[in-house]
Amino acid sequence: MIRPAACLVLLVGALSACDPTAPMPTQAASRHLTRADQQPAAPAPLVTVTAAGAQRVLWPYLNSDLTSTPEDPVSLIFRGRVDPRALRAALLGLNGDRTAFGFPDQAPFNCTWTDAIGDVQAGYVQGTGWVGSAIQMACGAFGPIRFHLRLFAAGDGWTVAGAHFEVLIPGTTTHQVLSWELAEQLVTADFVRTGLLDPADPVGGTDQITAAPFRTIPAVIYNGLPAELRAAIGGPAADQTADVPILNDGHATVLNVAGAVPAQPGIARQDFTIQFDQVIPKPFCATGPADFVLVQGPVRLRAEFITDASGGFRSEFHANALLQVTPVSSVGAPYTATVAQAQAATLTDGRTEASERLVEQLLPIDVSGHGRLSTILDVVTGGSATAQAGTRCGG
């Protein structure tokens, strides 16, 4: 979700601050990875997984640029009656009582599932190609903390998924992943609760297919977490001076699904505003790693999720912002920035599509230090896949 923030502190329910030693995010370089009528090359490495007596070759990671750069691990594999629309319907029908599985009857562990606002990602399955996250689910509100699940229809009775437990960084629209394992456990418990798993072989696992641990939590964020949350994610009790590895055992849970819940026609909408108020490294057209700015203003997020009478699913999402940017590490007058993000997804019996477009502008764009950043991701399963990103700086 709108990715400019990188200098961040978290204290759930309290104020946030900025660590001026945090690393500068990589500047977006102009690139065109593939033409719209082509599939990019397969990422590497590919692995072979076995589930319910069948094998599938896939990339064990997910990302948003169709390269071999991993962003999230594949942590769940569904086999059998696993159309993502049916998996979505099964989760939507559950209550928040997970006490039989050891989860406390308190937030965030007694959450219920809804459709999610989140960045579009893609996975890769041999024989199918790149697949997009047409369906995303959240257990818990957009903030302050939630479980987030992305489903990728892989064909022939396979769906792969990535799940994580994350926190909304105060004053931003950016989430920080806290745990892969906790989310994998909660999703597994919930599918056991649905009663849809194969009673003869409900839950299995793969060999290690991803790095363990995988990614880190910046120390400045970790040190703002309350003790109970540190314990829940299996982290150290004391404050840290180095970034904290995010626990990941490297194995994906396999869920063998024998039954299905039909999707119910309906429309769900989300519409809310977040006040951006954070000091961050300048996200593009920066003079260097010490170029910080204060970004302030409202960001409106709107989404619509539609299941039609034939069972087809589609969604649209828009984020728009008119922000004030004030230089912090240099002398300069405040100026205006705009953000426009749009997503669209469709999942029917014969087609899956997921796309995202993001444009950020520092106005006026032709002034030195200002400019424009744009990214595009389009994935049609079994068809085309395109990822583009470019930056233009003025002066």
Protein backbone atom coordinates (compact mmCIF):
# COMPACT_ATOMS: atom_id res chain seq x y z
CA MET A 1 0.00 0.00 0.00
CA ILE A 2 1.55 3.31 -1.06
CA ARG A 3 5.22 2.75 -0.35
CA PRO A 4 7.01 6.07 0.38
CA ALA A 5 7.68 5.52 4.08
CA ALA A 6 10.93 3.97 5.24
CA CYS A 7 12.05 5.92 8.34
CA LEU A 8 9.63 4.56 10.88
CA VAL A 9 9.01 3.87 14.54
CA LEU A 10 6.12 1.89 15.93
CA LEU A 11 4.51 2.11 19.30
CA VAL A 12 1.07 0.54 19.08
CA GLY A 13 -1.53 3.04 20.18
CA ALA A 14 1.05 5.77 20.83
CA LEU A 15 3.24 8.30 19.04
CA SER A 16 5.85 7.54 16.39
CA ALA A 17 9.20 9.09 15.59
CA CYS A 18 11.96 8.80 13.03
CA ASP A 19 15.40 7.22 13.10
CA PRO A 20 17.74 9.43 11.03
CA THR A 21 20.18 6.54 10.64
CA ALA A 22 17.68 4.32 8.82
CA PRO A 23 18.84 3.26 5.32
CA MET A 24 17.59 5.08 2.27
CA PRO A 25 15.24 2.99 0.11
CA THR A 26 16.58 1.95 -3.25
CA GLN A 27 15.79 4.54 -5.90
CA ALA A 28 13.42 3.23 -8.56
CA ALA A 29 15.36 2.81 -11.79
CA SER A 30 13.68 3.09 -15.16
CA ARG A 31 13.06 -0.36 -16.54
CA HIS A 32 10.69 -2.22 -18.81
CA LEU A 33 10.73 -5.88 -17.90
CA THR A 34 8.50 -7.24 -20.63
CA ARG A 35 6.15 -6.20 -23.39
CA ALA A 36 2.45 -6.46 -22.60
CA ASP A 37 2.01 -9.49 -24.88
CA GLN A 38 4.76 -11.56 -23.29
CA GLN A 39 5.55 -13.52 -20.15
CA PRO A 40 8.78 -12.58 -18.36
CA ALA A 41 11.33 -15.29 -17.77
CA ALA A 42 10.68 -17.72 -14.96
CA PRO A 43 12.17 -16.62 -11.64
CA ALA A 44 14.79 -18.72 -9.90
CA PRO A 45 15.12 -20.99 -8.10
CA LEU A 46 12.09 -23.16 -8.82
CA VAL A 47 11.22 -25.97 -6.41
CA THR A 48 9.11 -29.12 -6.66
CA VAL A 49 6.44 -29.59 -4.02
CA THR A 50 4.31 -32.66 -3.38
CA ALA A 51 0.73 -32.47 -2.11
CA ALA A 52 -2.00 -35.11 -2.07
CA GLY A 53 0.07 -37.39 -4.26
CA ALA A 54 0.67 -34.80 -6.97
CA GLN A 55 3.66 -32.59 -7.76
CA ARG A 56 3.96 -28.99 -8.86
CA VAL A 57 6.99 -26.90 -9.76
CA LEU A 58 6.79 -23.34 -8.47
CA TRP A 59 8.78 -20.37 -7.27
CA PRO A 60 8.55 -20.40 -3.46
CA TYR A 61 8.34 -16.62 -3.19
CA LEU A 62 6.09 -13.74 -4.22
CA ASN A 63 6.89 -10.25 -5.49
CA SER A 64 5.53 -7.19 -7.27
CA ASP A 65 7.99 -6.78 -10.17
CA LEU A 66 8.10 -10.20 -11.90
CA THR A 67 11.81 -10.72 -11.26
CA SER A 68 13.68 -13.25 -9.13
CA THR A 69 13.76 -10.85 -6.18
CA PRO A 70 11.72 -12.36 -3.32
CA GLU A 71 9.42 -10.14 -1.27
CA ASP A 72 7.25 -12.64 0.65
CA PRO A 73 7.51 -16.42 1.04
CA VAL A 74 4.89 -18.88 -0.16
CA SER A 75 3.71 -20.19 3.20
CA LEU A 76 0.53 -22.12 2.32
CA ILE A 77 -0.42 -24.47 -0.50
CA PHE A 78 -4.05 -25.52 -1.03
CA ARG A 79 -4.90 -28.73 -2.91
CA GLY A 80 -8.24 -30.07 -4.09
CA ARG A 81 -11.33 -27.89 -4.25
CA VAL A 82 -9.33 -24.73 -3.92
CA ASP A 83 -10.77 -22.05 -6.18
CA PRO A 84 -9.78 -18.83 -4.35
CA ARG A 85 -13.39 -17.67 -4.47
CA ALA A 86 -14.45 -20.71 -2.45
CA LEU A 87 -11.54 -20.28 -0.02
CA ARG A 88 -12.61 -16.66 0.44
CA ALA A 89 -16.21 -17.70 1.09
CA ALA A 90 -15.07 -20.24 3.68
CA LEU A 91 -13.08 -17.65 5.61
CA LEU A 92 -15.85 -15.05 5.45
CA GLY A 93 -18.19 -17.53 7.15
CA LEU A 94 -16.06 -18.01 10.27
CA ASN A 95 -16.41 -16.32 13.65
CA GLY A 96 -13.40 -15.15 15.66
CA ASP A 97 -13.35 -17.90 18.30
CA ARG A 98 -9.99 -19.71 17.98
CA THR A 99 -9.63 -20.63 21.64
CA ALA A 100 -9.73 -24.35 20.83
CA PHE A 101 -6.48 -23.84 18.92
CA GLY A 102 -4.71 -21.94 21.68
CA PHE A 103 -5.39 -18.42 20.46
CA PRO A 104 -6.65 -16.03 23.18
CA ASP A 105 -10.13 -14.54 22.95
CA GLN A 106 -8.78 -11.03 22.53
CA ALA A 107 -7.59 -8.77 19.73
CA PRO A 108 -5.95 -9.34 17.37
CA PHE A 109 -6.46 -13.11 17.69
CA ASN A 110 -10.28 -13.07 17.74
CA CYS A 111 -10.53 -11.17 14.46
CA THR A 112 -12.87 -12.08 11.62
CA TRP A 113 -12.05 -12.14 7.91
CA THR A 114 -12.90 -9.49 5.32
CA ASP A 115 -11.59 -8.55 1.91
CA ALA A 116 -8.27 -6.74 2.16
CA ILE A 117 -6.69 -3.60 0.80
CA GLY A 118 -3.07 -4.41 -0.03
CA ASP A 119 -0.48 -4.21 -2.80
CA VAL A 120 -0.86 -6.59 -5.72
CA GLN A 121 1.74 -9.36 -5.86
CA ALA A 122 2.50 -12.19 -8.26
CA GLY A 123 3.71 -15.77 -7.90
CA TYR A 124 5.00 -18.23 -10.46
CA VAL A 125 3.92 -21.81 -11.22
CA GLN A 126 5.49 -23.86 -13.99
CA GLY A 127 2.99 -24.60 -16.74
CA THR A 128 0.80 -21.68 -15.68
CA GLY A 129 3.30 -18.84 -15.57
CA TRP A 130 2.95 -15.73 -13.45
CA VAL A 131 -0.24 -15.55 -11.37
CA GLY A 132 -1.62 -12.47 -9.64
CA SER A 133 -3.25 -11.97 -6.24
CA ALA A 134 -6.79 -11.37 -7.43
CA ILE A 135 -8.13 -12.15 -3.95
CA GLN A 136 -6.66 -10.73 -0.76
CA MET A 137 -8.10 -11.28 2.72
CA ALA A 138 -7.53 -9.57 6.05
CA CYS A 139 -8.30 -10.69 9.58
CA GLY A 140 -8.44 -7.42 11.46
CA ALA A 141 -8.86 -3.84 10.31
CA PHE A 142 -6.34 -2.02 8.08
CA GLY A 143 -4.74 -0.74 11.27
CA PRO A 144 -3.28 -0.97 13.77
CA ILE A 145 -2.62 -4.70 13.36
CA ARG A 146 -3.91 -7.49 11.16
CA PHE A 147 -3.34 -10.83 9.47
CA HIS A 148 -3.04 -10.56 5.68
CA LEU A 149 -3.54 -13.40 3.18
CA ARG A 150 -3.00 -13.34 -0.59
CA LEU A 151 -4.35 -16.20 -2.77
CA PHE A 152 -2.92 -17.15 -6.17
CA ALA A 153 -4.96 -19.50 -8.39
CA ALA A 154 -2.43 -21.95 -9.87
CA GLY A 155 -4.79 -24.22 -11.85
CA ASP A 156 -5.42 -27.99 -11.77
CA GLY A 157 -6.60 -27.99 -8.16
CA TRP A 158 -3.74 -25.86 -6.81
CA THR A 159 -3.75 -22.48 -5.07
CA VAL A 160 -0.65 -21.02 -3.44
CA ALA A 161 -0.74 -18.33 -0.79
CA GLY A 162 1.33 -15.95 1.24
CA ALA A 163 0.26 -14.95 4.76
CA HIS A 164 1.75 -12.59 7.29
CA PHE A 165 1.00 -10.80 10.55
CA GLU A 166 1.65 -7.08 10.23
CA VAL A 167 1.30 -3.70 11.87
CA LEU A 168 0.35 -0.35 10.37
CA ILE A 169 3.14 2.13 11.02
CA PRO A 170 1.55 5.23 12.64
CA GLY A 171 1.31 8.28 10.44
CA THR A 172 1.69 6.23 7.24
CA THR A 173 -0.19 3.84 4.98
CA THR A 174 2.64 1.30 5.19
CA HIS A 175 2.55 -2.03 7.02
CA GLN A 176 5.54 -3.77 8.60
CA VAL A 177 5.55 -7.58 8.60
CA LEU A 178 6.07 -8.98 12.11
CA SER A 179 5.63 -12.73 11.57
CA TRP A 180 5.18 -15.27 8.81
CA GLU A 181 4.73 -18.23 11.16
CA LEU A 182 1.93 -16.76 13.29
CA ALA A 183 -0.17 -15.99 10.22
CA GLU A 184 0.46 -19.44 8.74
CA GLN A 185 -0.71 -21.02 12.00
CA LEU A 186 -3.86 -18.89 12.21
CA VAL A 187 -4.89 -19.59 8.60
CA THR A 188 -4.29 -23.32 9.14
CA ALA A 189 -6.43 -23.29 12.28
CA ASP A 190 -9.19 -21.46 10.45
CA PHE A 191 -9.34 -23.97 7.60
CA VAL A 192 -9.51 -26.79 10.13
CA ARG A 193 -12.43 -24.86 11.67
CA THR A 194 -14.23 -24.73 8.31
CA GLY A 195 -14.67 -28.52 8.32
CA LEU A 196 -13.76 -28.58 4.62
CA LEU A 197 -10.40 -30.35 4.86
CA ASP A 198 -9.99 -33.96 3.76
CA PRO A 199 -10.49 -36.00 6.96
CA ALA A 200 -8.07 -38.67 5.71
CA ASP A 201 -5.26 -36.21 5.00
CA PRO A 202 -6.16 -32.72 6.19
CA VAL A 203 -2.82 -30.99 6.77
CA GLY A 204 0.69 -31.66 5.51
CA GLY A 205 3.85 -29.78 4.78
CA THR A 206 6.59 -29.30 2.24
CA ASP A 207 10.32 -29.66 2.62
CA GLN A 208 12.14 -26.42 3.35
CA ILE A 209 11.59 -24.23 0.29
CA THR A 210 12.27 -20.69 1.56
CA ALA A 211 14.94 -18.98 3.63
CA ALA A 212 14.73 -19.33 7.40
CA PRO A 213 14.51 -16.70 8.82
CA PHE A 214 13.34 -14.35 6.06
CA ARG A 215 13.58 -10.54 6.10
CA THR A 216 13.90 -8.43 9.24
CA ILE A 217 12.02 -6.00 11.44
CA PRO A 218 13.94 -2.72 11.79
CA ALA A 219 15.16 -2.37 15.37
CA VAL A 220 13.57 1.07 15.64
CA ILE A 221 10.20 -0.54 14.93
CA TYR A 222 10.76 -3.67 17.01
CA ASN A 223 11.71 -1.64 20.08
CA GLY A 224 8.31 0.04 20.00
CA LEU A 225 6.42 -3.25 20.24
CA PRO A 226 4.84 -4.10 23.59
CA ALA A 227 6.21 -7.13 25.45
CA GLU A 228 3.13 -9.26 24.73
CA LEU A 229 3.48 -8.74 21.00
CA ARG A 230 7.20 -9.51 21.05
CA ALA A 231 6.40 -12.78 22.80
CA ALA A 232 3.61 -13.64 20.35
CA ILE A 233 5.96 -13.40 17.36
CA GLY A 234 8.76 -15.29 19.12
CA GLY A 235 11.06 -12.28 19.29
CA PRO A 236 13.60 -11.30 21.95
CA ALA A 237 12.21 -9.68 25.09
CA ALA A 238 14.80 -6.91 25.29
CA ASP A 239 15.22 -3.89 23.04
CA GLN A 240 17.57 -4.50 20.11
CA THR A 241 20.33 -2.50 18.46
CA ALA A 242 20.25 -4.57 15.24
CA ASP A 243 17.31 -5.45 13.02
CA VAL A 244 15.36 -8.49 14.20
CA PRO A 245 14.99 -11.51 11.86
CA ILE A 246 11.39 -12.44 11.03
CA LEU A 247 10.90 -16.06 12.03
CA ASN A 248 10.21 -18.45 9.17
CA ASP A 249 10.79 -22.21 9.25
CA GLY A 250 11.02 -22.33 5.45
CA HIS A 251 8.27 -24.96 5.10
CA ALA A 252 4.87 -24.29 3.54
CA THR A 253 1.76 -25.82 5.13
CA VAL A 254 -0.29 -27.96 2.72
CA LEU A 255 -4.07 -27.91 3.21
CA ASN A 256 -5.99 -30.62 1.38
CA VAL A 257 -9.48 -29.25 0.78
CA ALA A 258 -12.27 -31.74 0.07
CA GLY A 259 -15.32 -29.50 0.41
CA ALA A 260 -16.31 -26.04 -0.78
CA VAL A 261 -18.50 -23.18 0.33
CA PRO A 262 -20.29 -21.48 -2.58
CA ALA A 263 -19.57 -17.79 -2.98
CA GLN A 264 -22.57 -15.62 -2.17
CA PRO A 265 -23.48 -12.72 -4.47
CA GLY A 266 -22.92 -9.35 -2.87
CA ILE A 267 -20.94 -6.14 -2.67
CA ALA A 268 -18.55 -5.09 0.09
CA ARG A 269 -17.09 -1.61 0.27
CA GLN A 270 -14.36 0.09 2.26
CA ASP A 271 -13.79 3.86 2.33
CA PHE A 272 -11.60 5.59 4.91
CA THR A 273 -8.91 8.23 5.26
CA ILE A 274 -5.51 8.00 6.92
CA GLN A 275 -3.63 11.12 7.98
CA PHE A 276 -0.07 10.81 6.76
CA ASP A 277 2.23 12.55 9.24
CA GLN A 278 5.77 11.19 9.25
CA VAL A 279 9.37 12.14 8.60
CA ILE A 280 10.72 9.81 5.92
CA PRO A 281 13.68 9.57 3.56
CA LYS A 282 12.70 11.33 0.37
CA PRO A 283 11.29 8.45 -1.68
CA PHE A 284 12.74 9.50 -5.06
CA CYS A 285 14.76 12.30 -6.67
CA ALA A 286 16.73 12.53 -3.42
CA THR A 287 20.15 14.17 -3.11
CA GLY A 288 21.42 11.30 -0.96
CA PRO A 289 20.68 9.05 2.01
CA ALA A 290 20.39 12.02 4.39
CA ASP A 291 17.66 13.75 2.38
CA PHE A 292 14.64 13.62 4.74
CA VAL A 293 11.23 15.22 4.37
CA LEU A 294 8.15 15.65 6.56
CA VAL A 295 5.08 14.39 4.68
CA GLN A 296 1.64 15.45 5.91
CA GLY A 297 -1.91 15.21 4.64
CA PRO A 298 -4.91 12.93 4.11
CA VAL A 299 -4.78 9.73 2.06
CA ARG A 300 -8.19 8.42 1.03
CA LEU A 301 -8.51 4.66 0.45
CA ARG A 302 -11.55 3.25 -1.35
CA ALA A 303 -12.26 -0.33 -2.39
CA GLU A 304 -15.18 -2.32 -3.77
CA PHE A 305 -15.43 -6.13 -3.85
CA ILE A 306 -18.19 -7.68 -5.96
CA THR A 307 -19.37 -11.27 -6.33
CA ASP A 308 -21.96 -11.53 -9.09
CA ALA A 309 -24.80 -14.01 -9.47
CA SER A 310 -22.68 -16.37 -11.58
CA GLY A 311 -19.94 -16.49 -8.93
CA GLY A 312 -17.51 -14.19 -10.72
CA PHE A 313 -15.41 -11.97 -8.47
CA ARG A 314 -14.02 -8.55 -9.21
CA SER A 315 -12.56 -5.74 -7.18
CA GLU A 316 -11.36 -2.17 -7.58
CA PHE A 317 -9.22 -0.05 -5.31
CA HIS A 318 -8.19 3.60 -5.41
CA ALA A 319 -5.91 5.65 -3.16
CA ASN A 320 -5.52 9.38 -3.64
CA ALA A 321 -3.57 11.95 -1.69
CA LEU A 322 -2.67 15.63 -1.84
CA LEU A 323 0.21 16.03 0.57
CA GLN A 324 2.48 18.76 1.90
CA VAL A 325 6.20 17.97 1.83
CA THR A 326 8.58 19.96 4.03
CA PRO A 327 12.36 19.52 3.72
CA VAL A 328 13.94 18.47 7.01
CA SER A 329 17.60 17.90 6.25
CA SER A 330 17.98 20.95 4.00
CA VAL A 331 16.65 24.48 3.72
CA GLY A 332 13.67 24.83 1.47
CA ALA A 333 10.04 25.87 1.27
CA PRO A 334 7.24 23.30 1.59
CA TYR A 335 5.83 21.95 -1.64
CA THR A 336 2.99 19.68 -2.79
CA ALA A 337 3.00 15.99 -3.61
CA THR A 338 0.26 13.89 -5.16
CA VAL A 339 -0.27 10.14 -4.97
CA ALA A 340 -2.66 8.12 -7.16
CA GLN A 341 -2.86 4.34 -6.87
CA ALA A 342 -5.37 2.12 -8.67
CA GLN A 343 -5.93 -1.63 -8.67
CA ALA A 344 -8.32 -3.95 -10.49
CA ALA A 345 -8.82 -7.69 -10.20
CA THR A 346 -11.10 -10.25 -11.83
CA LEU A 347 -11.51 -13.95 -11.13
CA THR A 348 -13.95 -16.06 -13.13
CA ASP A 349 -14.05 -19.73 -14.13
CA GLY A 350 -11.82 -19.07 -17.11
CA ARG A 351 -9.73 -16.04 -16.26
CA THR A 352 -7.74 -14.40 -13.49
CA GLU A 353 -6.40 -10.84 -13.76
CA ALA A 354 -4.73 -8.53 -11.28
CA SER A 355 -3.22 -5.11 -11.92
CA GLU A 356 -1.87 -2.09 -10.10
CA ARG A 357 -0.78 1.39 -11.16
CA LEU A 358 0.94 3.89 -8.89
CA VAL A 359 1.97 7.48 -9.67
CA GLU A 360 3.69 9.76 -7.15
CA GLN A 361 4.59 13.34 -8.05
CA LEU A 362 6.63 16.04 -6.31
CA LEU A 363 5.24 19.27 -7.76
CA PRO A 364 6.13 21.05 -9.92
CA ILE A 365 7.90 18.05 -11.44
CA ASP A 366 10.33 20.07 -13.61
CA VAL A 367 12.00 21.75 -10.60
CA SER A 368 15.33 20.39 -9.36
CA GLY A 369 14.77 17.77 -6.65
CA HIS A 370 11.18 17.22 -7.75
CA GLY A 371 9.87 14.66 -10.21
CA ARG A 372 7.60 11.72 -10.92
CA LEU A 373 7.66 8.03 -9.96
CA SER A 374 5.39 5.52 -11.69
CA THR A 375 4.98 1.76 -11.48
CA ILE A 376 2.76 -0.71 -13.34
CA LEU A 377 2.01 -4.37 -12.68
CA ASP A 378 -0.39 -6.35 -14.91
CA VAL A 379 -0.79 -10.11 -14.64
CA VAL A 380 -3.23 -12.23 -16.66
CA THR A 381 -2.83 -15.85 -15.59
CA GLY A 382 -1.89 -17.98 -18.55
CA GLY A 383 -1.52 -14.85 -20.69
CA SER A 384 0.47 -11.65 -20.46
CA ALA A 385 2.48 -10.29 -17.57
CA THR A 386 4.01 -6.83 -17.41
CA ALA A 387 5.97 -4.89 -14.82
CA GLN A 388 7.35 -1.40 -15.36
CA ALA A 389 8.85 1.24 -13.10
CA GLY A 390 10.36 4.61 -13.87
CA THR A 391 11.52 7.82 -12.24
CA ARG A 392 11.87 11.24 -13.88
CA CYS A 393 13.58 13.99 -11.93
CA GLY A 394 13.45 17.68 -12.82
CA GLY A 395 16.24 20.25 -12.99
